[in-house]
Amino acid sequence: MKKYILLLAIIAFNSVLFAFTKDELMELPYKKTEFYGGTFSSELFDKVRDLEGNPADFIASFDDCDSYKNHELTEDERNLFFEYFLYLPEKIQTCVLDNVYAIYFIDGMEYGGLTDFIFDKNQGKKYCVLYLNSNTFHTDLSTWLEFRDNTIFTETDELNKVRTQCSDDYKAFLHVLTHEAVHVYDYIYEVTPYMDFFDNQEKTDSVFYQYWRDKYHPVKKYDNKLLSRFSYYHFGNQINIKEAKNLIKYLSTTPFSTLYGAKNFQDDFAETFTFYWFKKRFNLNYKIEYISNGKVKAVYSLEDNSNVHVWDSLCQDIAQ
C-alpha cells in the first residue's frame, strides 16, 4: 500500500511541479537525499548504485514503465564509462564529481537518460541524480541519434526516414553522458533560468530569454507550430515523416543545434554544448537528411548553421 501511495504522489507532484515554490519543492519526498539513501561520495564509481527501492519506484512511475531492471556494469562498460568521463571538459568533470549523488544504470529504457535535482536540506545543498540507459554502451553514436530523431515521426521505413550522421567510431553513451552531465552543470549553476518557473520566483534577466519566452516555447521569431505536435521516444504524439522537410528547413534558421534542443531551453543548452564539445574535442559534426522514397530531399548540417554561434562565448567558458 505504501508503494502504491508513493507512486501516486510522484505522478501527482510531477504533473503540477511548477505550481510549487522552491521551499515547497524541497519538501517533496523524491527531492530529498534521504529518498535515495546512502551517503555522498566524490568518487565516480561510488556514485553508481543498484536500481532498487525508492529510485526504482520513482523512475518506473515517472516513465510509466514497470519493466525496468537494474544493470550491473561489466568490466568493459566500466572502462568505457571512465574513458568517456575523462573526455568531458574539466569544469563538467568537477561538477559531476562534486554534485552527483547517485547514478543508476537501467536495462529497458528507450531514451538515453534522465537527470533530476535533489536537496540535502541539512547542508542546504543541491545535488543531482542520473538514470542512464545501459544499452547506449552497445549502440554506435550515429545509429542512436538516428533512432532518436525518427521517434517523432510516423510512416518511417528504410526509404522514408531521417538519416543522421555523427560518428560510427564512438558509442551512443558518449552523447548520453555528455548531454546529461551538461544538465548537471545547468542544475547546479543555473545556466538556464529553469528556477524562474517555480511559483513566486522572480524572473531573471537570463540571455536565454532572447530566444525563449518560457521553458517550452521559443520566442515568436524562432517558434514553429510543428514543435507542439510531437514528442520524442513515443512519450506523446508523432507527426508524419513528410513534415521532416519543413522541420529541417526551420531548424536551419534558428540558434538551436538540433530539433531535440528546440523543444525546451534546458535541452537546447545541453544539445548545444554537447555538439560544440564534439566538434572541438573530436571534430564531429551533426547532420540529418530527410529521405523520401530513397532520395535526399532536405539536409541540415550543424556546422553550416551560423545561427548557433550566439552560444559560442557561453560554451567556450565552460569548455576551457
C-alpha atoms as a PDB file:
ATOM      1  CA  MET A   1       0.000   0.000   0.000  1.00  0.00           C
ATOM      2  CA  LYS A   2       2.832   2.412   0.858  1.00  0.00           C
ATOM      3  CA  LYS A   3       4.458   1.816  -2.527  1.00  0.00           C
ATOM      4  CA  TYR A   4       1.154   2.481  -4.323  1.00  0.00           C
ATOM      5  CA  ILE A   5       0.655   5.767  -2.442  1.00  0.00           C
ATOM      6  CA  LEU A   6       4.242   6.789  -3.225  1.00  0.00           C
ATOM      7  CA  LEU A   7       3.748   6.205  -6.941  1.00  0.00           C
ATOM      8  CA  LEU A   8       0.525   8.195  -6.995  1.00  0.00           C
ATOM      9  CA  ALA A   9       2.240  11.026  -5.151  1.00  0.00           C
ATOM     10  CA  ILE A  10       5.117  11.123  -7.623  1.00  0.00           C
ATOM     11  CA  ILE A  11       2.766  11.251 -10.594  1.00  0.00           C
ATOM     12  CA  ALA A  12       0.669  13.997  -8.981  1.00  0.00           C
ATOM     13  CA  PHE A  13       3.674  16.072  -7.954  1.00  0.00           C
ATOM     14  CA  ASN A  14       5.253  15.941 -11.401  1.00  0.00           C
ATOM     15  CA  SER A  15       2.063  16.978 -13.170  1.00  0.00           C
ATOM     16  CA  VAL A  16       1.949  20.286 -11.249  1.00  0.00           C
ATOM     17  CA  LEU A  17       5.637  20.686 -10.404  1.00  0.00           C
ATOM     18  CA  PHE A  18       5.930  24.365 -11.313  1.00  0.00           C
ATOM     19  CA  ALA A  19       2.979  25.241  -9.062  1.00  0.00           C
ATOM     20  CA  PHE A  20       5.316  24.755  -6.098  1.00  0.00           C
ATOM     21  CA  THR A  21       7.549  27.379  -4.561  1.00  0.00           C
ATOM     22  CA  LYS A  22      11.219  26.488  -4.173  1.00  0.00           C
ATOM     23  CA  ASP A  23      10.717  25.843  -0.442  1.00  0.00           C
ATOM     24  CA  GLU A  24       7.753  23.570  -1.157  1.00  0.00           C
ATOM     25  CA  LEU A  25       9.749  21.815  -3.853  1.00  0.00           C
ATOM     26  CA  MET A  26      12.459  20.959  -1.330  1.00  0.00           C
ATOM     27  CA  GLU A  27       9.870  19.193   0.800  1.00  0.00           C
ATOM     28  CA  LEU A  28       8.745  16.742  -1.888  1.00  0.00           C
ATOM     29  CA  PRO A  29       9.840  13.212  -0.911  1.00  0.00           C
ATOM     30  CA  TYR A  30      11.777  12.435  -4.091  1.00  0.00           C
ATOM     31  CA  LYS A  31      13.584  15.804  -3.912  1.00  0.00           C
ATOM     32  CA  LYS A  32      15.365  14.823  -0.701  1.00  0.00           C
ATOM     33  CA  THR A  33      18.680  12.967  -0.473  1.00  0.00           C
ATOM     34  CA  GLU A  34      17.236  10.596   2.132  1.00  0.00           C
ATOM     35  CA  PHE A  35      14.809   9.313  -0.516  1.00  0.00           C
ATOM     36  CA  TYR A  36      17.859   7.791  -2.229  1.00  0.00           C
ATOM     37  CA  GLY A  37      19.619   6.611   0.919  1.00  0.00           C
ATOM     38  CA  GLY A  38      23.326   6.181   1.424  1.00  0.00           C
ATOM     39  CA  THR A  39      25.867   8.961   1.695  1.00  0.00           C
ATOM     40  CA  PHE A  40      27.512  11.251  -0.806  1.00  0.00           C
ATOM     41  CA  SER A  41      30.886  10.331  -2.318  1.00  0.00           C
ATOM     42  CA  SER A  42      33.010  12.343  -4.717  1.00  0.00           C
ATOM     43  CA  GLU A  43      34.410   9.138  -6.251  1.00  0.00           C
ATOM     44  CA  LEU A  44      32.863   8.404  -9.654  1.00  0.00           C
ATOM     45  CA  PHE A  45      32.153   4.704  -9.229  1.00  0.00           C
ATOM     46  CA  ASP A  46      30.944   5.114  -5.651  1.00  0.00           C
ATOM     47  CA  LYS A  47      28.061   7.069  -7.145  1.00  0.00           C
ATOM     48  CA  VAL A  48      26.860   4.044  -9.148  1.00  0.00           C
ATOM     49  CA  ARG A  49      24.118   2.271  -7.220  1.00  0.00           C
ATOM     50  CA  ASP A  50      21.705  -0.585  -7.768  1.00  0.00           C
ATOM     51  CA  LEU A  51      18.286   0.427  -9.041  1.00  0.00           C
ATOM     52  CA  GLU A  52      16.018  -0.695  -6.211  1.00  0.00           C
ATOM     53  CA  GLY A  53      13.627   0.687  -3.625  1.00  0.00           C
ATOM     54  CA  ASN A  54      12.583   4.327  -3.914  1.00  0.00           C
ATOM     55  CA  PRO A  55      14.647   5.211  -7.011  1.00  0.00           C
ATOM     56  CA  ALA A  56      13.288   2.169  -8.863  1.00  0.00           C
ATOM     57  CA  ASP A  57       9.737   3.136  -7.924  1.00  0.00           C
ATOM     58  CA  PHE A  58      10.338   6.745  -8.928  1.00  0.00           C
ATOM     59  CA  ILE A  59      11.672   6.112 -12.431  1.00  0.00           C
ATOM     60  CA  ALA A  60       9.069   3.405 -13.098  1.00  0.00           C
ATOM     61  CA  SER A  61       6.331   5.858 -12.138  1.00  0.00           C
ATOM     62  CA  PHE A  62       7.895   8.814 -13.927  1.00  0.00           C
ATOM     63  CA  ASP A  63       8.125   6.869 -17.204  1.00  0.00           C
ATOM     64  CA  ASP A  64       5.009   4.752 -16.607  1.00  0.00           C
ATOM     65  CA  CYS A  65       7.088   1.637 -17.187  1.00  0.00           C
ATOM     66  CA  ASP A  66       7.239  -1.354 -14.847  1.00  0.00           C
ATOM     67  CA  SER A  67       9.769  -3.397 -16.821  1.00  0.00           C
ATOM     68  CA  TYR A  68      12.961  -1.513 -15.944  1.00  0.00           C
ATOM     69  CA  LYS A  69      15.762  -3.601 -14.460  1.00  0.00           C
ATOM     70  CA  ASN A  70      18.965  -2.730 -12.684  1.00  0.00           C
ATOM     71  CA  HIS A  71      22.033  -3.090 -14.872  1.00  0.00           C
ATOM     72  CA  GLU A  72      25.297  -4.283 -13.389  1.00  0.00           C
ATOM     73  CA  LEU A  73      28.182  -2.758 -15.314  1.00  0.00           C
ATOM     74  CA  THR A  74      30.582  -5.190 -16.958  1.00  0.00           C
ATOM     75  CA  GLU A  75      34.310  -4.514 -16.820  1.00  0.00           C
ATOM     76  CA  ASP A  76      34.251  -3.271 -20.423  1.00  0.00           C
ATOM     77  CA  GLU A  77      31.346  -0.935 -19.650  1.00  0.00           C
ATOM     78  CA  ARG A  78      33.103   0.421 -16.577  1.00  0.00           C
ATOM     79  CA  ASN A  79      36.185   1.101 -18.652  1.00  0.00           C
ATOM     80  CA  LEU A  80      34.157   2.860 -21.348  1.00  0.00           C
ATOM     81  CA  PHE A  81      32.308   4.900 -18.733  1.00  0.00           C
ATOM     82  CA  PHE A  82      35.597   6.069 -17.244  1.00  0.00           C
ATOM     83  CA  GLU A  83      37.153   6.737 -20.660  1.00  0.00           C
ATOM     84  CA  TYR A  84      34.201   8.842 -21.810  1.00  0.00           C
ATOM     85  CA  PHE A  85      34.034  10.632 -18.457  1.00  0.00           C
ATOM     86  CA  LEU A  86      37.628  11.754 -18.938  1.00  0.00           C
ATOM     87  CA  TYR A  87      36.643  13.162 -22.337  1.00  0.00           C
ATOM     88  CA  LEU A  88      34.366  15.695 -20.628  1.00  0.00           C
ATOM     89  CA  PRO A  89      35.675  19.248 -20.093  1.00  0.00           C
ATOM     90  CA  GLU A  90      37.381  19.666 -16.743  1.00  0.00           C
ATOM     91  CA  LYS A  91      34.694  22.014 -15.397  1.00  0.00           C
ATOM     92  CA  ILE A  92      31.978  19.477 -16.107  1.00  0.00           C
ATOM     93  CA  GLN A  93      34.000  16.578 -14.704  1.00  0.00           C
ATOM     94  CA  THR A  94      34.477  18.510 -11.469  1.00  0.00           C
ATOM     95  CA  CYS A  95      30.815  19.469 -11.345  1.00  0.00           C
ATOM     96  CA  VAL A  96      29.748  15.833 -11.713  1.00  0.00           C
ATOM     97  CA  LEU A  97      32.171  14.583  -9.058  1.00  0.00           C
ATOM     98  CA  ASP A  98      31.191  17.311  -6.591  1.00  0.00           C
ATOM     99  CA  ASN A  99      27.436  17.301  -7.139  1.00  0.00           C
ATOM    100  CA  VAL A 100      26.080  13.964  -8.390  1.00  0.00           C
ATOM    101  CA  TYR A 101      24.597  11.988  -5.518  1.00  0.00           C
ATOM    102  CA  ALA A 102      23.702   8.765  -7.338  1.00  0.00           C
ATOM    103  CA  ILE A 103      23.896   7.151 -10.793  1.00  0.00           C
ATOM    104  CA  TYR A 104      21.623   4.308 -11.871  1.00  0.00           C
ATOM    105  CA  PHE A 105      22.152   2.199 -14.997  1.00  0.00           C
ATOM    106  CA  ILE A 106      18.933   0.733 -16.346  1.00  0.00           C
ATOM    107  CA  ASP A 107      18.034  -2.079 -18.725  1.00  0.00           C
ATOM    108  CA  GLY A 108      14.904  -1.430 -20.764  1.00  0.00           C
ATOM    109  CA  MET A 109      14.976   2.357 -21.177  1.00  0.00           C
ATOM    110  CA  GLU A 110      14.002   3.649 -24.604  1.00  0.00           C
ATOM    111  CA  TYR A 111      15.567   7.086 -24.187  1.00  0.00           C
ATOM    112  CA  GLY A 112      19.116   7.995 -23.235  1.00  0.00           C
ATOM    113  CA  GLY A 113      18.890   9.243 -19.706  1.00  0.00           C
ATOM    114  CA  LEU A 114      17.277  11.477 -17.103  1.00  0.00           C
ATOM    115  CA  THR A 115      18.860  13.964 -14.719  1.00  0.00           C
ATOM    116  CA  ASP A 116      16.968  15.291 -11.705  1.00  0.00           C
ATOM    117  CA  PHE A 117      17.990  17.679  -8.951  1.00  0.00           C
ATOM    118  CA  ILE A 118      17.521  16.962  -5.253  1.00  0.00           C
ATOM    119  CA  PHE A 119      18.314  18.693  -1.975  1.00  0.00           C
ATOM    120  CA  ASP A 120      20.137  17.970   1.242  1.00  0.00           C
ATOM    121  CA  LYS A 121      18.193  20.301   3.474  1.00  0.00           C
ATOM    122  CA  ASN A 122      20.576  19.889   6.410  1.00  0.00           C
ATOM    123  CA  GLN A 123      23.511  21.094   4.325  1.00  0.00           C
ATOM    124  CA  GLY A 124      21.447  23.493   2.239  1.00  0.00           C
ATOM    125  CA  LYS A 125      22.988  21.894  -0.848  1.00  0.00           C
ATOM    126  CA  LYS A 126      21.633  20.840  -4.217  1.00  0.00           C
ATOM    127  CA  TYR A 127      22.693  17.522  -5.760  1.00  0.00           C
ATOM    128  CA  CYS A 128      21.742  15.613  -8.906  1.00  0.00           C
ATOM    129  CA  VAL A 129      20.667  12.053  -9.645  1.00  0.00           C
ATOM    130  CA  LEU A 130      21.255  10.357 -13.016  1.00  0.00           C
ATOM    131  CA  TYR A 131      19.322   7.499 -14.623  1.00  0.00           C
ATOM    132  CA  LEU A 132      21.194   6.162 -17.680  1.00  0.00           C
ATOM    133  CA  ASN A 133      20.292   3.706 -20.442  1.00  0.00           C
ATOM    134  CA  SER A 134      22.707   0.760 -20.344  1.00  0.00           C
ATOM    135  CA  ASN A 135      22.041  -0.124 -23.990  1.00  0.00           C
ATOM    136  CA  THR A 136      23.858   3.018 -25.123  1.00  0.00           C
ATOM    137  CA  PHE A 137      27.154   1.284 -24.319  1.00  0.00           C
ATOM    138  CA  HIS A 138      26.458  -1.054 -27.234  1.00  0.00           C
ATOM    139  CA  THR A 139      24.991   1.214 -29.944  1.00  0.00           C
ATOM    140  CA  ASP A 140      27.096   3.461 -32.132  1.00  0.00           C
ATOM    141  CA  LEU A 141      26.561   7.197 -31.928  1.00  0.00           C
ATOM    142  CA  SER A 142      25.046   7.790 -35.377  1.00  0.00           C
ATOM    143  CA  THR A 143      22.672   4.832 -35.052  1.00  0.00           C
ATOM    144  CA  TRP A 144      21.474   6.080 -31.662  1.00  0.00           C
ATOM    145  CA  LEU A 145      20.886   9.655 -32.818  1.00  0.00           C
ATOM    146  CA  GLU A 146      19.079   8.410 -35.922  1.00  0.00           C
ATOM    147  CA  PHE A 147      16.829   6.280 -33.739  1.00  0.00           C
ATOM    148  CA  ARG A 148      16.098   9.277 -31.501  1.00  0.00           C
ATOM    149  CA  ASP A 149      15.465  11.628 -34.398  1.00  0.00           C
ATOM    150  CA  ASN A 150      12.963   9.259 -36.003  1.00  0.00           C
ATOM    151  CA  THR A 151      10.877   8.650 -32.866  1.00  0.00           C
ATOM    152  CA  ILE A 152       8.890  11.820 -33.575  1.00  0.00           C
ATOM    153  CA  PHE A 153       7.666  10.524 -36.943  1.00  0.00           C
ATOM    154  CA  THR A 154       5.151   8.021 -38.282  1.00  0.00           C
ATOM    155  CA  GLU A 155       5.278   6.208 -41.622  1.00  0.00           C
ATOM    156  CA  THR A 156       9.044   5.648 -41.480  1.00  0.00           C
ATOM    157  CA  ASP A 157      10.983   2.846 -43.195  1.00  0.00           C
ATOM    158  CA  GLU A 158      14.381   2.471 -44.852  1.00  0.00           C
ATOM    159  CA  LEU A 159      13.286   4.586 -47.836  1.00  0.00           C
ATOM    160  CA  ASN A 160      11.399   7.211 -45.814  1.00  0.00           C
ATOM    161  CA  LYS A 161      13.135   8.496 -42.706  1.00  0.00           C
ATOM    162  CA  VAL A 162      15.597  10.936 -41.246  1.00  0.00           C
ATOM    163  CA  ARG A 163      19.162   9.732 -41.681  1.00  0.00           C
ATOM    164  CA  THR A 164      21.519  11.009 -39.001  1.00  0.00           C
ATOM    165  CA  GLN A 165      25.285  11.182 -39.299  1.00  0.00           C
ATOM    166  CA  CYS A 166      27.685  11.929 -36.478  1.00  0.00           C
ATOM    167  CA  SER A 167      30.131   9.079 -35.784  1.00  0.00           C
ATOM    168  CA  ASP A 168      30.394   5.315 -36.056  1.00  0.00           C
ATOM    169  CA  ASP A 169      33.606   5.294 -34.018  1.00  0.00           C
ATOM    170  CA  TYR A 170      32.078   6.250 -30.679  1.00  0.00           C
ATOM    171  CA  LYS A 171      29.244   4.672 -28.745  1.00  0.00           C
ATOM    172  CA  ALA A 172      25.924   6.361 -28.043  1.00  0.00           C
ATOM    173  CA  PHE A 173      26.940   6.591 -24.383  1.00  0.00           C
ATOM    174  CA  LEU A 174      29.285   9.439 -25.312  1.00  0.00           C
ATOM    175  CA  HIS A 175      26.291  11.583 -26.230  1.00  0.00           C
ATOM    176  CA  VAL A 176      24.166  10.407 -23.312  1.00  0.00           C
ATOM    177  CA  LEU A 177      26.876  11.033 -20.733  1.00  0.00           C
ATOM    178  CA  THR A 178      27.841  14.434 -22.124  1.00  0.00           C
ATOM    179  CA  HIS A 179      24.239  15.608 -22.519  1.00  0.00           C
ATOM    180  CA  GLU A 180      23.245  14.513 -19.005  1.00  0.00           C
ATOM    181  CA  ALA A 181      26.443  15.902 -17.469  1.00  0.00           C
ATOM    182  CA  VAL A 182      25.601  19.264 -19.030  1.00  0.00           C
ATOM    183  CA  HIS A 183      22.186  19.041 -17.354  1.00  0.00           C
ATOM    184  CA  VAL A 184      24.023  18.520 -14.052  1.00  0.00           C
ATOM    185  CA  TYR A 185      26.108  21.630 -14.720  1.00  0.00           C
ATOM    186  CA  ASP A 186      22.927  23.539 -15.542  1.00  0.00           C
ATOM    187  CA  TYR A 187      21.057  22.396 -12.445  1.00  0.00           C
ATOM    188  CA  ILE A 188      23.944  23.256 -10.151  1.00  0.00           C
ATOM    189  CA  TYR A 189      24.980  26.592 -11.677  1.00  0.00           C
ATOM    190  CA  GLU A 190      21.547  27.567 -13.052  1.00  0.00           C
ATOM    191  CA  VAL A 191      22.845  28.387 -16.515  1.00  0.00           C
ATOM    192  CA  THR A 192      19.303  28.300 -17.873  1.00  0.00           C
ATOM    193  CA  PRO A 193      16.546  30.090 -15.944  1.00  0.00           C
ATOM    194  CA  TYR A 194      14.688  26.894 -15.055  1.00  0.00           C
ATOM    195  CA  MET A 195      14.121  28.053 -11.466  1.00  0.00           C
ATOM    196  CA  ASP A 196      12.204  31.113 -12.738  1.00  0.00           C
ATOM    197  CA  PHE A 197       9.148  28.995 -13.364  1.00  0.00           C
ATOM    198  CA  PHE A 198       8.516  27.785  -9.848  1.00  0.00           C
ATOM    199  CA  ASP A 199       5.800  29.675  -8.022  1.00  0.00           C
ATOM    200  CA  ASN A 200       6.689  33.094  -6.572  1.00  0.00           C
ATOM    201  CA  GLN A 201      10.088  33.197  -8.270  1.00  0.00           C
ATOM    202  CA  GLU A 202      11.183  36.484  -9.816  1.00  0.00           C
ATOM    203  CA  LYS A 203      12.099  36.332 -13.484  1.00  0.00           C
ATOM    204  CA  THR A 204      15.819  36.707 -14.082  1.00  0.00           C
ATOM    205  CA  ASP A 205      17.453  38.576 -16.965  1.00  0.00           C
ATOM    206  CA  SER A 206      18.875  35.368 -18.477  1.00  0.00           C
ATOM    207  CA  VAL A 207      20.258  35.513 -22.013  1.00  0.00           C
ATOM    208  CA  PHE A 208      18.011  32.553 -22.808  1.00  0.00           C
ATOM    209  CA  TYR A 209      15.009  34.899 -22.879  1.00  0.00           C
ATOM    210  CA  GLN A 210      16.371  36.351 -26.092  1.00  0.00           C
ATOM    211  CA  TYR A 211      15.417  33.045 -27.723  1.00  0.00           C
ATOM    212  CA  TRP A 212      12.834  31.520 -25.356  1.00  0.00           C
ATOM    213  CA  ARG A 213       9.660  33.105 -23.985  1.00  0.00           C
ATOM    214  CA  ASP A 214       9.353  30.310 -21.420  1.00  0.00           C
ATOM    215  CA  LYS A 215      10.876  26.889 -20.814  1.00  0.00           C
ATOM    216  CA  TYR A 216       8.937  25.139 -23.584  1.00  0.00           C
ATOM    217  CA  HIS A 217       8.276  27.853 -26.170  1.00  0.00           C
ATOM    218  CA  PRO A 218      10.807  29.747 -28.300  1.00  0.00           C
ATOM    219  CA  VAL A 219      10.205  33.425 -28.944  1.00  0.00           C
ATOM    220  CA  LYS A 220       7.975  34.096 -31.943  1.00  0.00           C
ATOM    221  CA  LYS A 221      10.903  34.569 -34.335  1.00  0.00           C
ATOM    222  CA  TYR A 222      12.148  31.037 -33.670  1.00  0.00           C
ATOM    223  CA  ASP A 223       8.891  29.242 -32.970  1.00  0.00           C
ATOM    224  CA  ASN A 224       7.211  26.729 -35.258  1.00  0.00           C
ATOM    225  CA  LYS A 225       3.717  25.296 -34.892  1.00  0.00           C
ATOM    226  CA  LEU A 226       5.047  21.793 -35.538  1.00  0.00           C
ATOM    227  CA  LEU A 227       7.084  21.823 -32.305  1.00  0.00           C
ATOM    228  CA  SER A 228       3.990  21.406 -30.147  1.00  0.00           C
ATOM    229  CA  ARG A 229       2.724  18.495 -32.214  1.00  0.00           C
ATOM    230  CA  PHE A 230       5.384  15.890 -31.465  1.00  0.00           C
ATOM    231  CA  SER A 231       7.287  14.275 -28.619  1.00  0.00           C
ATOM    232  CA  TYR A 232      10.410  12.134 -28.607  1.00  0.00           C
ATOM    233  CA  TYR A 233      10.695   8.460 -27.698  1.00  0.00           C
ATOM    234  CA  HIS A 234       6.943   7.840 -28.091  1.00  0.00           C
ATOM    235  CA  PHE A 235       6.052   9.785 -24.938  1.00  0.00           C
ATOM    236  CA  GLY A 236       3.366  11.665 -26.863  1.00  0.00           C
ATOM    237  CA  ASN A 237       2.207  12.486 -30.360  1.00  0.00           C
ATOM    238  CA  GLN A 238       4.084  11.806 -33.576  1.00  0.00           C
ATOM    239  CA  ILE A 239       3.857  13.566 -36.930  1.00  0.00           C
ATOM    240  CA  ASN A 240       4.118  12.214 -40.467  1.00  0.00           C
ATOM    241  CA  ILE A 241       7.642  11.792 -41.828  1.00  0.00           C
ATOM    242  CA  LYS A 242       6.709  14.154 -44.673  1.00  0.00           C
ATOM    243  CA  GLU A 243       6.954  17.023 -42.181  1.00  0.00           C
ATOM    244  CA  ALA A 244      10.695  16.359 -41.820  1.00  0.00           C
ATOM    245  CA  LYS A 245      11.429  18.606 -44.804  1.00  0.00           C
ATOM    246  CA  ASN A 246       9.703  21.576 -43.150  1.00  0.00           C
ATOM    247  CA  LEU A 247      11.370  20.920 -39.810  1.00  0.00           C
ATOM    248  CA  ILE A 248      14.845  20.714 -41.325  1.00  0.00           C
ATOM    249  CA  LYS A 249      14.285  23.963 -43.203  1.00  0.00           C
ATOM    250  CA  TYR A 250      13.052  25.572 -39.984  1.00  0.00           C
ATOM    251  CA  LEU A 251      15.994  24.323 -37.894  1.00  0.00           C
ATOM    252  CA  SER A 252      18.470  25.926 -40.280  1.00  0.00           C
ATOM    253  CA  THR A 253      17.035  29.371 -39.465  1.00  0.00           C
ATOM    254  CA  THR A 254      17.296  29.040 -35.671  1.00  0.00           C
ATOM    255  CA  PRO A 255      20.006  29.173 -32.979  1.00  0.00           C
ATOM    256  CA  PHE A 256      19.013  25.640 -31.924  1.00  0.00           C
ATOM    257  CA  SER A 257      21.567  22.923 -32.643  1.00  0.00           C
ATOM    258  CA  THR A 258      19.035  20.106 -33.006  1.00  0.00           C
ATOM    259  CA  LEU A 259      15.285  19.641 -33.140  1.00  0.00           C
ATOM    260  CA  TYR A 260      15.579  17.869 -29.803  1.00  0.00           C
ATOM    261  CA  GLY A 261      17.038  21.085 -28.397  1.00  0.00           C
ATOM    262  CA  ALA A 262      14.241  23.155 -29.916  1.00  0.00           C
ATOM    263  CA  LYS A 263      11.719  21.533 -27.551  1.00  0.00           C
ATOM    264  CA  ASN A 264      12.835  23.303 -24.334  1.00  0.00           C
ATOM    265  CA  PHE A 265      15.629  25.589 -23.220  1.00  0.00           C
ATOM    266  CA  GLN A 266      17.346  23.059 -20.961  1.00  0.00           C
ATOM    267  CA  ASP A 267      17.742  20.579 -23.803  1.00  0.00           C
ATOM    268  CA  ASP A 268      18.708  23.493 -26.045  1.00  0.00           C
ATOM    269  CA  PHE A 269      21.639  24.195 -23.750  1.00  0.00           C
ATOM    270  CA  ALA A 270      22.523  20.511 -23.296  1.00  0.00           C
ATOM    271  CA  GLU A 271      22.447  19.773 -27.031  1.00  0.00           C
ATOM    272  CA  THR A 272      24.256  22.956 -27.999  1.00  0.00           C
ATOM    273  CA  PHE A 273      27.124  22.392 -25.610  1.00  0.00           C
ATOM    274  CA  THR A 274      27.321  18.662 -26.357  1.00  0.00           C
ATOM    275  CA  PHE A 275      27.777  19.199 -30.070  1.00  0.00           C
ATOM    276  CA  TYR A 276      30.005  22.226 -29.533  1.00  0.00           C
ATOM    277  CA  TRP A 277      32.260  19.937 -27.477  1.00  0.00           C
ATOM    278  CA  PHE A 278      32.027  17.118 -30.007  1.00  0.00           C
ATOM    279  CA  LYS A 279      33.295  19.472 -32.709  1.00  0.00           C
ATOM    280  CA  LYS A 280      36.050  20.912 -30.533  1.00  0.00           C
ATOM    281  CA  ARG A 281      37.219  17.648 -28.957  1.00  0.00           C
ATOM    282  CA  PHE A 282      36.550  15.059 -31.689  1.00  0.00           C
ATOM    283  CA  ASN A 283      35.914  17.125 -34.853  1.00  0.00           C
ATOM    284  CA  LEU A 284      32.431  15.595 -35.135  1.00  0.00           C
ATOM    285  CA  ASN A 285      29.508  17.176 -36.935  1.00  0.00           C
ATOM    286  CA  TYR A 286      25.773  16.537 -36.548  1.00  0.00           C
ATOM    287  CA  LYS A 287      23.985  16.117 -39.872  1.00  0.00           C
ATOM    288  CA  ILE A 288      20.467  14.988 -40.722  1.00  0.00           C
ATOM    289  CA  GLU A 289      18.938  14.208 -44.087  1.00  0.00           C
ATOM    290  CA  TYR A 290      15.289  13.721 -44.941  1.00  0.00           C
ATOM    291  CA  ILE A 291      14.994  10.646 -47.155  1.00  0.00           C
ATOM    292  CA  SER A 292      11.793  10.287 -49.210  1.00  0.00           C
ATOM    293  CA  ASN A 293      11.365   7.262 -51.454  1.00  0.00           C
ATOM    294  CA  GLY A 294      15.090   6.673 -51.137  1.00  0.00           C
ATOM    295  CA  LYS A 295      16.105  10.181 -52.234  1.00  0.00           C
ATOM    296  CA  VAL A 296      17.553  13.037 -50.175  1.00  0.00           C
ATOM    297  CA  LYS A 297      15.003  15.856 -50.051  1.00  0.00           C
ATOM    298  CA  ALA A 298      16.423  18.107 -47.335  1.00  0.00           C
ATOM    299  CA  VAL A 299      19.674  18.406 -45.392  1.00  0.00           C
ATOM    300  CA  TYR A 300      20.673  20.071 -42.134  1.00  0.00           C
ATOM    301  CA  SER A 301      24.317  20.309 -41.072  1.00  0.00           C
ATOM    302  CA  LEU A 302      25.077  21.831 -37.686  1.00  0.00           C
ATOM    303  CA  GLU A 303      28.469  23.143 -38.763  1.00  0.00           C
ATOM    304  CA  ASP A 304      26.723  25.123 -41.515  1.00  0.00           C
ATOM    305  CA  ASN A 305      24.208  26.717 -39.142  1.00  0.00           C
ATOM    306  CA  SER A 306      25.876  30.022 -38.268  1.00  0.00           C
ATOM    307  CA  ASN A 307      22.948  30.981 -36.004  1.00  0.00           C
ATOM    308  CA  VAL A 308      24.228  28.696 -33.228  1.00  0.00           C
ATOM    309  CA  HIS A 309      27.337  30.824 -32.813  1.00  0.00           C
ATOM    310  CA  VAL A 310      25.354  33.094 -30.483  1.00  0.00           C
ATOM    311  CA  TRP A 311      26.221  30.473 -27.832  1.00  0.00           C
ATOM    312  CA  ASP A 312      29.948  30.324 -28.560  1.00  0.00           C
ATOM    313  CA  SER A 313      31.072  32.528 -25.687  1.00  0.00           C
ATOM    314  CA  LEU A 314      28.996  30.549 -23.166  1.00  0.00           C
ATOM    315  CA  CYS A 315      30.311  27.249 -24.498  1.00  0.00           C
ATOM    316  CA  GLN A 316      33.898  28.489 -24.639  1.00  0.00           C
ATOM    317  CA  ASP A 317      33.810  29.460 -20.987  1.00  0.00           C
ATOM    318  CA  ILE A 318      32.648  26.008 -19.913  1.00  0.00           C
ATOM    319  CA  ALA A 319      34.988  24.168 -22.294  1.00  0.00           C
ATOM    320  CA  GLN A 320      38.146  25.859 -21.048  1.00  0.00           C
END
